[in-house]
Amino acid sequence: MLTVTVPSTEVRDGLTAHEVPPGVRLVVWDVQSDLPAGDAPAAGDDVVVVLPNSSLAEEAWRRLAAVPGLRVVHLTSAGYEHALPHLPAGVLLCNGRGVHDDGTAELALGLVLAAQRGIDEAARAMTRHAWEPRARSSLADRRVLVVGAGSIGSAIRRRLEAFETDVVMVARTARVEDGVVVHGVDELPELLPDVDVVVLVTPLTDETERLVDAAFLARMRDGALLVNVGRGRVVDTDALVAELERGRLRAALDVTDPEPLPPGHPLWTAPGALVTPHVGGWTDATTPRVVRLLRRQLTRLAAGLEPENVVART
């Protein structure tokens, strides 16, 4: 028997709306409290735990690690670095690659458009009943650099190209993928001075933490826009705030460091800054996409196959 815990009744009901593979038992468990005795896996069961797309306390991670028969931990987020320190030996870790691509790409494009066309400033002016027209920078004919060429970065590229932009893709290593030239991260110093917008959509790793430091920002041209929909710690916040307060750069951020952004933090009031509260992949399309991914995963697991989206083996 394969016992699969899912974080909500909505996910369970989405799965049971279609035929569940034989030998699979679904249990609703969000890992925030002990698994009810009646839902505990039987001796000899293999267990898959699907985690909620939210931060877990240390106690929840310990509860997860103590589950007998645990074979797969499945995240609904694309990021997975936060889970790695908590997994017991012998477990596969899968992420939600593909689930958040379109939602995050939509927000990235929305942030770029809002900052370029002054929509954020117009919204603030509305609270003062102020009519303040002025010329803004277009998105058309701009050069946009996307740092991160995975599935989300590719979704962002496709949307930007529809706005008649010149999109430059950057990843850890240079390559040509599906006919698209992808530059290596080592080329950033030469690329940065020639772009109008930089969009960050990288995972957080030892290599990407503080990738956007004072030197990176200094190479961006005056008036350029930095957009971050990846991970907050990819950016040196103090260095970014310094550039914003000088009025040299602008920023549109869905992720920050620290996060949540505390009251009184200078990013709230920095000139040229637009902040959204990490909602890139949080839309009404998210759960149906999680369900579609899990449906494929259950079919594969019930057939004795390795699941999709394996990102780590402990």
C-alpha atoms as a PDB file:
ATOM      1  CA  MET A   1       0.000   0.000   0.000  1.00  0.00           C
ATOM      2  CA  LEU A   2       1.161   3.537  -0.799  1.00  0.00           C
ATOM      3  CA  THR A   3      -0.032   6.078   1.757  1.00  0.00           C
ATOM      4  CA  VAL A   4       0.011   9.610   0.383  1.00  0.00           C
ATOM      5  CA  THR A   5      -0.628  12.571   2.674  1.00  0.00           C
ATOM      6  CA  VAL A   6      -1.808  15.805   1.066  1.00  0.00           C
ATOM      7  CA  PRO A   7      -1.955  19.193   2.778  1.00  0.00           C
ATOM      8  CA  SER A   8      -5.640  20.055   2.265  1.00  0.00           C
ATOM      9  CA  THR A   9      -9.066  18.646   1.522  1.00  0.00           C
ATOM     10  CA  GLU A  10      -9.043  20.744  -1.666  1.00  0.00           C
ATOM     11  CA  VAL A  11      -6.047  18.805  -2.978  1.00  0.00           C
ATOM     12  CA  ARG A  12      -7.535  15.475  -1.854  1.00  0.00           C
ATOM     13  CA  ASP A  13     -10.868  16.228  -3.496  1.00  0.00           C
ATOM     14  CA  GLY A  14      -9.111  17.254  -6.686  1.00  0.00           C
ATOM     15  CA  LEU A  15      -7.310  13.915  -6.776  1.00  0.00           C
ATOM     16  CA  THR A  16     -10.349  11.815  -5.923  1.00  0.00           C
ATOM     17  CA  ALA A  17     -12.406  13.587  -8.626  1.00  0.00           C
ATOM     18  CA  HIS A  18     -10.503  11.259 -10.963  1.00  0.00           C
ATOM     19  CA  GLU A  19      -9.662   7.624 -10.458  1.00  0.00           C
ATOM     20  CA  VAL A  20      -6.928   7.109  -7.888  1.00  0.00           C
ATOM     21  CA  PRO A  21      -4.519   4.306  -8.846  1.00  0.00           C
ATOM     22  CA  PRO A  22      -5.119   0.980  -7.050  1.00  0.00           C
ATOM     23  CA  GLY A  23      -3.042   0.557  -3.926  1.00  0.00           C
ATOM     24  CA  VAL A  24      -2.956   4.290  -3.126  1.00  0.00           C
ATOM     25  CA  ARG A  25      -4.532   5.620   0.076  1.00  0.00           C
ATOM     26  CA  LEU A  26      -4.984   9.394   0.445  1.00  0.00           C
ATOM     27  CA  VAL A  27      -4.824  11.112   3.826  1.00  0.00           C
ATOM     28  CA  VAL A  28      -5.204  14.835   4.577  1.00  0.00           C
ATOM     29  CA  TRP A  29      -2.312  16.031   6.772  1.00  0.00           C
ATOM     30  CA  ASP A  30      -0.671  19.461   6.830  1.00  0.00           C
ATOM     31  CA  VAL A  31       2.232  18.364   9.124  1.00  0.00           C
ATOM     32  CA  GLN A  32       1.337  21.175  11.545  1.00  0.00           C
ATOM     33  CA  SER A  33       0.064  18.660  14.126  1.00  0.00           C
ATOM     34  CA  ASP A  34       0.421  14.951  14.802  1.00  0.00           C
ATOM     35  CA  LEU A  35      -0.991  12.584  12.216  1.00  0.00           C
ATOM     36  CA  PRO A  36      -4.234  11.151  13.672  1.00  0.00           C
ATOM     37  CA  ALA A  37      -3.833   7.524  14.741  1.00  0.00           C
ATOM     38  CA  GLY A  38      -6.581   6.416  12.380  1.00  0.00           C
ATOM     39  CA  ASP A  39      -4.699   7.880   9.421  1.00  0.00           C
ATOM     40  CA  ALA A  40      -1.281   6.481  10.317  1.00  0.00           C
ATOM     41  CA  PRO A  41       0.283   4.258   7.627  1.00  0.00           C
ATOM     42  CA  ALA A  42       0.154   0.530   8.242  1.00  0.00           C
ATOM     43  CA  ALA A  43       3.358  -1.367   8.893  1.00  0.00           C
ATOM     44  CA  GLY A  44       5.139  -1.933   5.607  1.00  0.00           C
ATOM     45  CA  ASP A  45       3.427   0.940   3.772  1.00  0.00           C
ATOM     46  CA  ASP A  46       5.527   3.277   1.666  1.00  0.00           C
ATOM     47  CA  VAL A  47       4.674   6.893   2.486  1.00  0.00           C
ATOM     48  CA  VAL A  48       4.647  10.023   0.340  1.00  0.00           C
ATOM     49  CA  VAL A  49       4.167  13.340   2.153  1.00  0.00           C
ATOM     50  CA  VAL A  50       3.056  16.359   0.126  1.00  0.00           C
ATOM     51  CA  LEU A  51       3.932  19.483   2.080  1.00  0.00           C
ATOM     52  CA  PRO A  52       1.923  22.710   2.195  1.00  0.00           C
ATOM     53  CA  ASN A  53       3.324  25.690   0.329  1.00  0.00           C
ATOM     54  CA  SER A  54       4.158  27.536   3.533  1.00  0.00           C
ATOM     55  CA  SER A  55       6.951  27.791   6.057  1.00  0.00           C
ATOM     56  CA  LEU A  56       7.200  24.923   8.523  1.00  0.00           C
ATOM     57  CA  ALA A  57       8.347  25.192  12.119  1.00  0.00           C
ATOM     58  CA  GLU A  58      11.194  23.000  13.353  1.00  0.00           C
ATOM     59  CA  GLU A  59       8.655  20.838  15.189  1.00  0.00           C
ATOM     60  CA  ALA A  60       6.845  20.140  11.912  1.00  0.00           C
ATOM     61  CA  TRP A  61      10.074  19.045  10.219  1.00  0.00           C
ATOM     62  CA  ARG A  62      10.816  16.700  13.140  1.00  0.00           C
ATOM     63  CA  ARG A  63       7.296  15.295  12.880  1.00  0.00           C
ATOM     64  CA  LEU A  64       7.834  14.667   9.177  1.00  0.00           C
ATOM     65  CA  ALA A  65      11.183  12.964   9.672  1.00  0.00           C
ATOM     66  CA  ALA A  66       9.626  10.577  12.214  1.00  0.00           C
ATOM     67  CA  VAL A  67       7.060   9.175   9.784  1.00  0.00           C
ATOM     68  CA  PRO A  68       7.693   5.409   9.380  1.00  0.00           C
ATOM     69  CA  GLY A  69       8.088   4.241   5.808  1.00  0.00           C
ATOM     70  CA  LEU A  70       8.727   7.744   4.466  1.00  0.00           C
ATOM     71  CA  ARG A  71      10.004   7.414   0.894  1.00  0.00           C
ATOM     72  CA  VAL A  72       9.110  10.668  -0.887  1.00  0.00           C
ATOM     73  CA  VAL A  73       8.696  14.247   0.304  1.00  0.00           C
ATOM     74  CA  HIS A  74       6.916  16.354  -2.292  1.00  0.00           C
ATOM     75  CA  LEU A  75       6.997  20.138  -2.261  1.00  0.00           C
ATOM     76  CA  THR A  76       4.438  22.241  -4.072  1.00  0.00           C
ATOM     77  CA  SER A  77       6.983  25.058  -4.390  1.00  0.00           C
ATOM     78  CA  ALA A  78       9.695  25.245  -7.024  1.00  0.00           C
ATOM     79  CA  GLY A  79      12.284  26.256  -4.416  1.00  0.00           C
ATOM     80  CA  TYR A  80      13.560  23.399  -2.305  1.00  0.00           C
ATOM     81  CA  GLU A  81      16.707  24.577  -0.519  1.00  0.00           C
ATOM     82  CA  HIS A  82      14.748  25.107   2.721  1.00  0.00           C
ATOM     83  CA  ALA A  83      13.825  21.405   2.914  1.00  0.00           C
ATOM     84  CA  LEU A  84      17.255  19.863   2.391  1.00  0.00           C
ATOM     85  CA  PRO A  85      18.568  20.163   5.976  1.00  0.00           C
ATOM     86  CA  HIS A  86      15.499  18.421   7.422  1.00  0.00           C
ATOM     87  CA  LEU A  87      15.205  15.237   5.391  1.00  0.00           C
ATOM     88  CA  PRO A  88      16.069  11.824   6.849  1.00  0.00           C
ATOM     89  CA  ALA A  89      18.220   9.355   4.915  1.00  0.00           C
ATOM     90  CA  GLY A  90      16.692   7.329   2.105  1.00  0.00           C
ATOM     91  CA  VAL A  91      14.130   9.910   0.972  1.00  0.00           C
ATOM     92  CA  LEU A  92      13.483  11.354  -2.481  1.00  0.00           C
ATOM     93  CA  LEU A  93      12.695  15.069  -2.582  1.00  0.00           C
ATOM     94  CA  CYS A  94      10.477  16.321  -5.418  1.00  0.00           C
ATOM     95  CA  ASN A  95       9.561  19.927  -6.109  1.00  0.00           C
ATOM     96  CA  GLY A  96       6.657  21.668  -7.809  1.00  0.00           C
ATOM     97  CA  ARG A  97       8.491  22.530 -11.011  1.00  0.00           C
ATOM     98  CA  GLY A  98       5.949  23.673 -13.583  1.00  0.00           C
ATOM     99  CA  VAL A  99       3.181  24.481 -11.102  1.00  0.00           C
ATOM    100  CA  HIS A 100       4.108  28.143 -10.611  1.00  0.00           C
ATOM    101  CA  ASP A 101       5.616  28.987 -13.997  1.00  0.00           C
ATOM    102  CA  ASP A 102       2.754  30.999 -15.425  1.00  0.00           C
ATOM    103  CA  GLY A 103       1.694  32.732 -12.214  1.00  0.00           C
ATOM    104  CA  THR A 104       5.231  33.850 -11.437  1.00  0.00           C
ATOM    105  CA  ALA A 105       5.838  34.911 -15.046  1.00  0.00           C
ATOM    106  CA  GLU A 106       2.608  36.942 -15.001  1.00  0.00           C
ATOM    107  CA  LEU A 107       3.679  38.770 -11.862  1.00  0.00           C
ATOM    108  CA  ALA A 108       7.200  39.386 -13.200  1.00  0.00           C
ATOM    109  CA  LEU A 109       5.720  40.963 -16.307  1.00  0.00           C
ATOM    110  CA  GLY A 110       3.223  42.928 -14.201  1.00  0.00           C
ATOM    111  CA  LEU A 111       6.008  44.312 -12.009  1.00  0.00           C
ATOM    112  CA  VAL A 112       8.039  45.338 -15.038  1.00  0.00           C
ATOM    113  CA  LEU A 113       5.059  47.070 -16.643  1.00  0.00           C
ATOM    114  CA  ALA A 114       3.993  48.752 -13.399  1.00  0.00           C
ATOM    115  CA  ALA A 115       7.466  50.155 -12.793  1.00  0.00           C
ATOM    116  CA  GLN A 116       8.107  51.171 -16.406  1.00  0.00           C
ATOM    117  CA  ARG A 117       4.747  52.890 -16.892  1.00  0.00           C
ATOM    118  CA  GLY A 118       4.474  54.395 -13.388  1.00  0.00           C
ATOM    119  CA  ILE A 119       1.372  52.447 -12.392  1.00  0.00           C
ATOM    120  CA  ASP A 120       2.617  52.199  -8.810  1.00  0.00           C
ATOM    121  CA  GLU A 121       3.068  55.966  -8.563  1.00  0.00           C
ATOM    122  CA  ALA A 122      -0.334  56.577 -10.165  1.00  0.00           C
ATOM    123  CA  ALA A 123      -1.968  54.321  -7.563  1.00  0.00           C
ATOM    124  CA  ARG A 124      -0.323  56.299  -4.771  1.00  0.00           C
ATOM    125  CA  ALA A 125      -1.354  59.580  -6.420  1.00  0.00           C
ATOM    126  CA  MET A 126      -4.977  58.399  -6.402  1.00  0.00           C
ATOM    127  CA  THR A 127      -4.972  58.459  -2.589  1.00  0.00           C
ATOM    128  CA  ARG A 128      -4.136  62.202  -2.869  1.00  0.00           C
ATOM    129  CA  HIS A 129      -6.625  62.801  -5.704  1.00  0.00           C
ATOM    130  CA  ALA A 130      -3.643  64.026  -7.718  1.00  0.00           C
ATOM    131  CA  TRP A 131      -3.561  64.105 -11.534  1.00  0.00           C
ATOM    132  CA  GLU A 132       0.152  63.955 -12.375  1.00  0.00           C
ATOM    133  CA  PRO A 133       0.812  62.902 -15.980  1.00  0.00           C
ATOM    134  CA  ARG A 134       4.378  62.601 -17.253  1.00  0.00           C
ATOM    135  CA  ALA A 135       6.235  60.661 -19.892  1.00  0.00           C
ATOM    136  CA  ARG A 136       7.355  57.172 -18.868  1.00  0.00           C
ATOM    137  CA  SER A 137       9.672  54.555 -20.283  1.00  0.00           C
ATOM    138  CA  SER A 138       8.107  51.958 -22.552  1.00  0.00           C
ATOM    139  CA  LEU A 139       8.699  48.233 -22.306  1.00  0.00           C
ATOM    140  CA  ALA A 140       8.770  47.945 -26.088  1.00  0.00           C
ATOM    141  CA  ASP A 141      12.260  48.257 -27.559  1.00  0.00           C
ATOM    142  CA  ARG A 142      13.920  47.768 -24.155  1.00  0.00           C
ATOM    143  CA  ARG A 143      16.646  45.182 -23.507  1.00  0.00           C
ATOM    144  CA  VAL A 144      15.756  42.842 -20.638  1.00  0.00           C
ATOM    145  CA  LEU A 145      18.166  40.428 -18.977  1.00  0.00           C
ATOM    146  CA  VAL A 146      16.602  37.376 -17.297  1.00  0.00           C
ATOM    147  CA  VAL A 147      18.873  35.656 -14.780  1.00  0.00           C
ATOM    148  CA  GLY A 148      17.607  32.081 -14.520  1.00  0.00           C
ATOM    149  CA  ALA A 149      16.786  30.054 -17.622  1.00  0.00           C
ATOM    150  CA  GLY A 150      14.673  27.298 -16.103  1.00  0.00           C
ATOM    151  CA  SER A 151      10.969  26.772 -16.732  1.00  0.00           C
ATOM    152  CA  ILE A 152       9.901  30.008 -15.001  1.00  0.00           C
ATOM    153  CA  GLY A 153      12.627  32.045 -16.695  1.00  0.00           C
ATOM    154  CA  SER A 154      11.558  30.649 -20.051  1.00  0.00           C
ATOM    155  CA  ALA A 155       7.917  31.555 -19.330  1.00  0.00           C
ATOM    156  CA  ILE A 156       9.020  35.106 -18.513  1.00  0.00           C
ATOM    157  CA  ARG A 157      11.058  35.289 -21.728  1.00  0.00           C
ATOM    158  CA  ARG A 158       8.090  34.283 -23.874  1.00  0.00           C
ATOM    159  CA  ARG A 159       5.879  36.965 -22.344  1.00  0.00           C
ATOM    160  CA  LEU A 160       8.529  39.667 -22.650  1.00  0.00           C
ATOM    161  CA  GLU A 161       9.109  38.856 -26.305  1.00  0.00           C
ATOM    162  CA  ALA A 162       5.419  39.489 -26.987  1.00  0.00           C
ATOM    163  CA  PHE A 163       6.063  43.093 -25.873  1.00  0.00           C
ATOM    164  CA  GLU A 164       8.746  43.562 -28.537  1.00  0.00           C
ATOM    165  CA  THR A 165      11.685  43.447 -26.168  1.00  0.00           C
ATOM    166  CA  ASP A 166      15.188  42.131 -26.720  1.00  0.00           C
ATOM    167  CA  VAL A 167      15.539  39.389 -24.102  1.00  0.00           C
ATOM    168  CA  VAL A 168      18.941  38.157 -22.925  1.00  0.00           C
ATOM    169  CA  MET A 169      18.950  34.885 -20.961  1.00  0.00           C
ATOM    170  CA  VAL A 170      21.568  33.996 -18.331  1.00  0.00           C
ATOM    171  CA  ALA A 171      22.076  30.739 -16.432  1.00  0.00           C
ATOM    172  CA  ARG A 172      24.810  29.007 -14.486  1.00  0.00           C
ATOM    173  CA  THR A 173      26.404  27.708 -17.681  1.00  0.00           C
ATOM    174  CA  ALA A 174      26.283  28.951 -21.276  1.00  0.00           C
ATOM    175  CA  ARG A 175      24.339  26.871 -23.789  1.00  0.00           C
ATOM    176  CA  VAL A 176      21.895  26.945 -26.657  1.00  0.00           C
ATOM    177  CA  GLU A 177      18.517  25.533 -25.599  1.00  0.00           C
ATOM    178  CA  ASP A 178      15.596  25.127 -28.003  1.00  0.00           C
ATOM    179  CA  GLY A 179      17.275  27.608 -30.299  1.00  0.00           C
ATOM    180  CA  VAL A 180      17.696  30.216 -27.532  1.00  0.00           C
ATOM    181  CA  VAL A 181      21.191  31.443 -26.676  1.00  0.00           C
ATOM    182  CA  VAL A 182      21.753  31.287 -22.911  1.00  0.00           C
ATOM    183  CA  HIS A 183      24.760  33.147 -21.526  1.00  0.00           C
ATOM    184  CA  GLY A 184      26.779  31.930 -18.568  1.00  0.00           C
ATOM    185  CA  VAL A 185      26.655  33.788 -15.254  1.00  0.00           C
ATOM    186  CA  ASP A 186      30.331  34.606 -15.735  1.00  0.00           C
ATOM    187  CA  GLU A 187      29.287  36.929 -18.587  1.00  0.00           C
ATOM    188  CA  LEU A 188      27.164  39.155 -16.335  1.00  0.00           C
ATOM    189  CA  PRO A 189      29.794  41.906 -15.897  1.00  0.00           C
ATOM    190  CA  GLU A 190      29.833  42.472 -19.662  1.00  0.00           C
ATOM    191  CA  LEU A 191      26.041  42.169 -20.110  1.00  0.00           C
ATOM    192  CA  LEU A 192      24.770  44.360 -17.264  1.00  0.00           C
ATOM    193  CA  PRO A 193      25.772  47.803 -18.598  1.00  0.00           C
ATOM    194  CA  ASP A 194      23.760  47.263 -21.784  1.00  0.00           C
ATOM    195  CA  VAL A 195      20.329  46.304 -20.383  1.00  0.00           C
ATOM    196  CA  ASP A 196      17.373  48.366 -19.170  1.00  0.00           C
ATOM    197  CA  VAL A 197      15.752  45.739 -16.943  1.00  0.00           C
ATOM    198  CA  VAL A 198      17.174  42.793 -14.966  1.00  0.00           C
ATOM    199  CA  VAL A 199      14.740  40.064 -13.885  1.00  0.00           C
ATOM    200  CA  LEU A 200      15.958  37.591 -11.250  1.00  0.00           C
ATOM    201  CA  VAL A 201      14.341  34.150 -11.101  1.00  0.00           C
ATOM    202  CA  THR A 202      17.177  32.031  -9.731  1.00  0.00           C
ATOM    203  CA  PRO A 203      16.965  29.442  -6.950  1.00  0.00           C
ATOM    204  CA  LEU A 204      18.912  30.129  -3.777  1.00  0.00           C
ATOM    205  CA  THR A 205      22.212  28.243  -3.756  1.00  0.00           C
ATOM    206  CA  ASP A 206      25.712  28.892  -2.448  1.00  0.00           C
ATOM    207  CA  GLU A 207      26.508  30.352  -5.872  1.00  0.00           C
ATOM    208  CA  THR A 208      23.477  32.655  -6.101  1.00  0.00           C
ATOM    209  CA  GLU A 209      23.314  33.972  -2.537  1.00  0.00           C
ATOM    210  CA  ARG A 210      24.216  37.686  -2.715  1.00  0.00           C
ATOM    211  CA  LEU A 211      24.876  37.309  -6.441  1.00  0.00           C
ATOM    212  CA  VAL A 212      23.410  40.795  -6.776  1.00  0.00           C
ATOM    213  CA  ASP A 213      25.897  42.676  -4.643  1.00  0.00           C
ATOM    214  CA  ALA A 214      27.217  46.237  -4.750  1.00  0.00           C
ATOM    215  CA  ALA A 215      29.494  45.425  -7.701  1.00  0.00           C
ATOM    216  CA  PHE A 216      26.624  43.851  -9.680  1.00  0.00           C
ATOM    217  CA  LEU A 217      24.382  46.858  -9.041  1.00  0.00           C
ATOM    218  CA  ALA A 218      27.144  49.319  -9.893  1.00  0.00           C
ATOM    219  CA  ARG A 219      27.415  47.784 -13.364  1.00  0.00           C
ATOM    220  CA  MET A 220      23.725  48.385 -14.118  1.00  0.00           C
ATOM    221  CA  ARG A 221      23.070  51.512 -16.162  1.00  0.00           C
ATOM    222  CA  ASP A 222      21.545  54.602 -14.558  1.00  0.00           C
ATOM    223  CA  GLY A 223      17.754  54.319 -14.276  1.00  0.00           C
ATOM    224  CA  ALA A 224      17.723  50.554 -14.821  1.00  0.00           C
ATOM    225  CA  LEU A 225      15.088  48.407 -13.125  1.00  0.00           C
ATOM    226  CA  LEU A 226      15.846  45.349 -10.970  1.00  0.00           C
ATOM    227  CA  VAL A 227      12.972  42.844 -10.631  1.00  0.00           C
ATOM    228  CA  ASN A 228      13.248  39.901  -8.217  1.00  0.00           C
ATOM    229  CA  VAL A 229      10.723  37.053  -8.328  1.00  0.00           C
ATOM    230  CA  GLY A 230      13.242  34.392  -7.288  1.00  0.00           C
ATOM    231  CA  ARG A 231      14.645  34.449  -3.764  1.00  0.00           C
ATOM    232  CA  GLY A 232      15.252  37.472  -1.556  1.00  0.00           C
ATOM    233  CA  ARG A 233      18.732  36.461  -0.445  1.00  0.00           C
ATOM    234  CA  VAL A 234      19.993  36.545  -4.020  1.00  0.00           C
ATOM    235  CA  VAL A 235      20.143  40.334  -3.519  1.00  0.00           C
ATOM    236  CA  ASP A 236      22.281  42.264  -1.031  1.00  0.00           C
ATOM    237  CA  THR A 237      19.462  44.378   0.391  1.00  0.00           C
ATOM    238  CA  ASP A 238      21.694  47.038   1.932  1.00  0.00           C
ATOM    239  CA  ALA A 239      23.498  47.558  -1.374  1.00  0.00           C
ATOM    240  CA  LEU A 240      20.182  47.810  -3.225  1.00  0.00           C
ATOM    241  CA  VAL A 241      18.717  50.288  -0.743  1.00  0.00           C
ATOM    242  CA  ALA A 242      21.819  52.468  -1.152  1.00  0.00           C
ATOM    243  CA  GLU A 243      21.306  52.596  -4.922  1.00  0.00           C
ATOM    244  CA  LEU A 244      17.575  53.318  -4.558  1.00  0.00           C
ATOM    245  CA  GLU A 245      18.139  56.120  -2.088  1.00  0.00           C
ATOM    246  CA  ARG A 246      20.633  57.696  -4.485  1.00  0.00           C
ATOM    247  CA  GLY A 247      17.911  57.561  -7.140  1.00  0.00           C
ATOM    248  CA  ARG A 248      20.206  55.755  -9.559  1.00  0.00           C
ATOM    249  CA  LEU A 249      18.295  52.437  -9.838  1.00  0.00           C
ATOM    250  CA  ARG A 250      14.709  51.246  -9.451  1.00  0.00           C
ATOM    251  CA  ALA A 251      13.429  47.945  -8.038  1.00  0.00           C
ATOM    252  CA  ALA A 252      10.264  45.829  -8.165  1.00  0.00           C
ATOM    253  CA  LEU A 253      10.446  42.976  -5.669  1.00  0.00           C
ATOM    254  CA  ASP A 254       8.146  40.061  -4.906  1.00  0.00           C
ATOM    255  CA  VAL A 255      10.775  38.541  -2.591  1.00  0.00           C
ATOM    256  CA  THR A 256      12.953  40.322  -0.061  1.00  0.00           C
ATOM    257  CA  ASP A 257      15.627  39.766   2.530  1.00  0.00           C
ATOM    258  CA  PRO A 258      14.450  39.825   5.270  1.00  0.00           C
ATOM    259  CA  GLU A 259      11.086  38.231   4.535  1.00  0.00           C
ATOM    260  CA  PRO A 260       8.446  39.077   5.550  1.00  0.00           C
ATOM    261  CA  LEU A 261       9.644  42.659   5.223  1.00  0.00           C
ATOM    262  CA  PRO A 262       9.265  44.153   8.719  1.00  0.00           C
ATOM    263  CA  PRO A 263       7.531  47.469   9.434  1.00  0.00           C
ATOM    264  CA  GLY A 264       9.939  50.365   9.212  1.00  0.00           C
ATOM    265  CA  HIS A 265      12.330  48.660   6.808  1.00  0.00           C
ATOM    266  CA  PRO A 266      13.810  51.179   4.348  1.00  0.00           C
ATOM    267  CA  LEU A 267      12.583  49.204   1.321  1.00  0.00           C
ATOM    268  CA  TRP A 268       9.003  50.236   2.174  1.00  0.00           C
ATOM    269  CA  THR A 269       9.773  53.896   1.499  1.00  0.00           C
ATOM    270  CA  ALA A 270      12.812  53.791  -0.774  1.00  0.00           C
ATOM    271  CA  PRO A 271      12.317  55.923  -3.894  1.00  0.00           C
ATOM    272  CA  GLY A 272      11.733  53.847  -7.010  1.00  0.00           C
ATOM    273  CA  ALA A 273      10.806  50.693  -5.059  1.00  0.00           C
ATOM    274  CA  LEU A 274       7.705  48.556  -5.598  1.00  0.00           C
ATOM    275  CA  VAL A 275       7.147  45.604  -3.241  1.00  0.00           C
ATOM    276  CA  THR A 276       4.621  42.760  -3.403  1.00  0.00           C
ATOM    277  CA  PRO A 277       4.380  40.172  -0.579  1.00  0.00           C
ATOM    278  CA  HIS A 278       5.769  37.009  -2.262  1.00  0.00           C
ATOM    279  CA  VAL A 279       2.633  36.167  -4.206  1.00  0.00           C
ATOM    280  CA  GLY A 280       4.166  35.215  -7.560  1.00  0.00           C
ATOM    281  CA  GLY A 281       2.934  31.636  -7.577  1.00  0.00           C
ATOM    282  CA  TRP A 282      -0.125  32.152  -5.396  1.00  0.00           C
ATOM    283  CA  THR A 283      -3.189  32.334  -7.643  1.00  0.00           C
ATOM    284  CA  ASP A 284      -6.442  30.464  -8.154  1.00  0.00           C
ATOM    285  CA  ALA A 285      -4.656  28.424 -10.827  1.00  0.00           C
ATOM    286  CA  THR A 286      -2.163  27.005  -8.306  1.00  0.00           C
ATOM    287  CA  THR A 287      -4.135  24.181  -6.674  1.00  0.00           C
ATOM    288  CA  PRO A 288      -5.490  22.736  -9.952  1.00  0.00           C
ATOM    289  CA  ARG A 289      -1.932  22.658 -11.271  1.00  0.00           C
ATOM    290  CA  VAL A 290      -0.683  20.991  -8.085  1.00  0.00           C
ATOM    291  CA  VAL A 291      -3.417  18.384  -8.484  1.00  0.00           C
ATOM    292  CA  ARG A 292      -2.455  17.694 -12.107  1.00  0.00           C
ATOM    293  CA  LEU A 293       1.179  17.205 -11.112  1.00  0.00           C
ATOM    294  CA  LEU A 294       0.277  14.925  -8.200  1.00  0.00           C
ATOM    295  CA  ARG A 295      -2.033  12.868 -10.390  1.00  0.00           C
ATOM    296  CA  ARG A 296       0.910  12.097 -12.667  1.00  0.00           C
ATOM    297  CA  GLN A 297       3.114  11.373  -9.680  1.00  0.00           C
ATOM    298  CA  LEU A 298       0.660   8.907  -8.124  1.00  0.00           C
ATOM    299  CA  THR A 299       0.344   7.050 -11.423  1.00  0.00           C
ATOM    300  CA  ARG A 300       4.115   6.726 -11.686  1.00  0.00           C
ATOM    301  CA  LEU A 301       4.632   5.723  -8.056  1.00  0.00           C
ATOM    302  CA  ALA A 302       1.836   3.143  -8.125  1.00  0.00           C
ATOM    303  CA  ALA A 303       3.504   1.613 -11.194  1.00  0.00           C
ATOM    304  CA  GLY A 304       6.858   1.397  -9.380  1.00  0.00           C
ATOM    305  CA  LEU A 305       8.404   4.209 -11.438  1.00  0.00           C
ATOM    306  CA  GLU A 306      10.465   7.119 -10.187  1.00  0.00           C
ATOM    307  CA  PRO A 307       8.419  10.310  -9.853  1.00  0.00           C
ATOM    308  CA  GLU A 308       8.984  13.476 -11.859  1.00  0.00           C
ATOM    309  CA  ASN A 309      10.816  16.514 -10.501  1.00  0.00           C
ATOM    310  CA  VAL A 310      13.316  14.679  -8.277  1.00  0.00           C
ATOM    311  CA  VAL A 311      15.684  17.362  -6.979  1.00  0.00           C
ATOM    312  CA  ALA A 312      17.519  15.501  -4.198  1.00  0.00           C
ATOM    313  CA  ARG A 313      18.186  12.040  -2.802  1.00  0.00           C
ATOM    314  CA  THR A 314      19.188  11.751   0.834  1.00  0.00           C
END
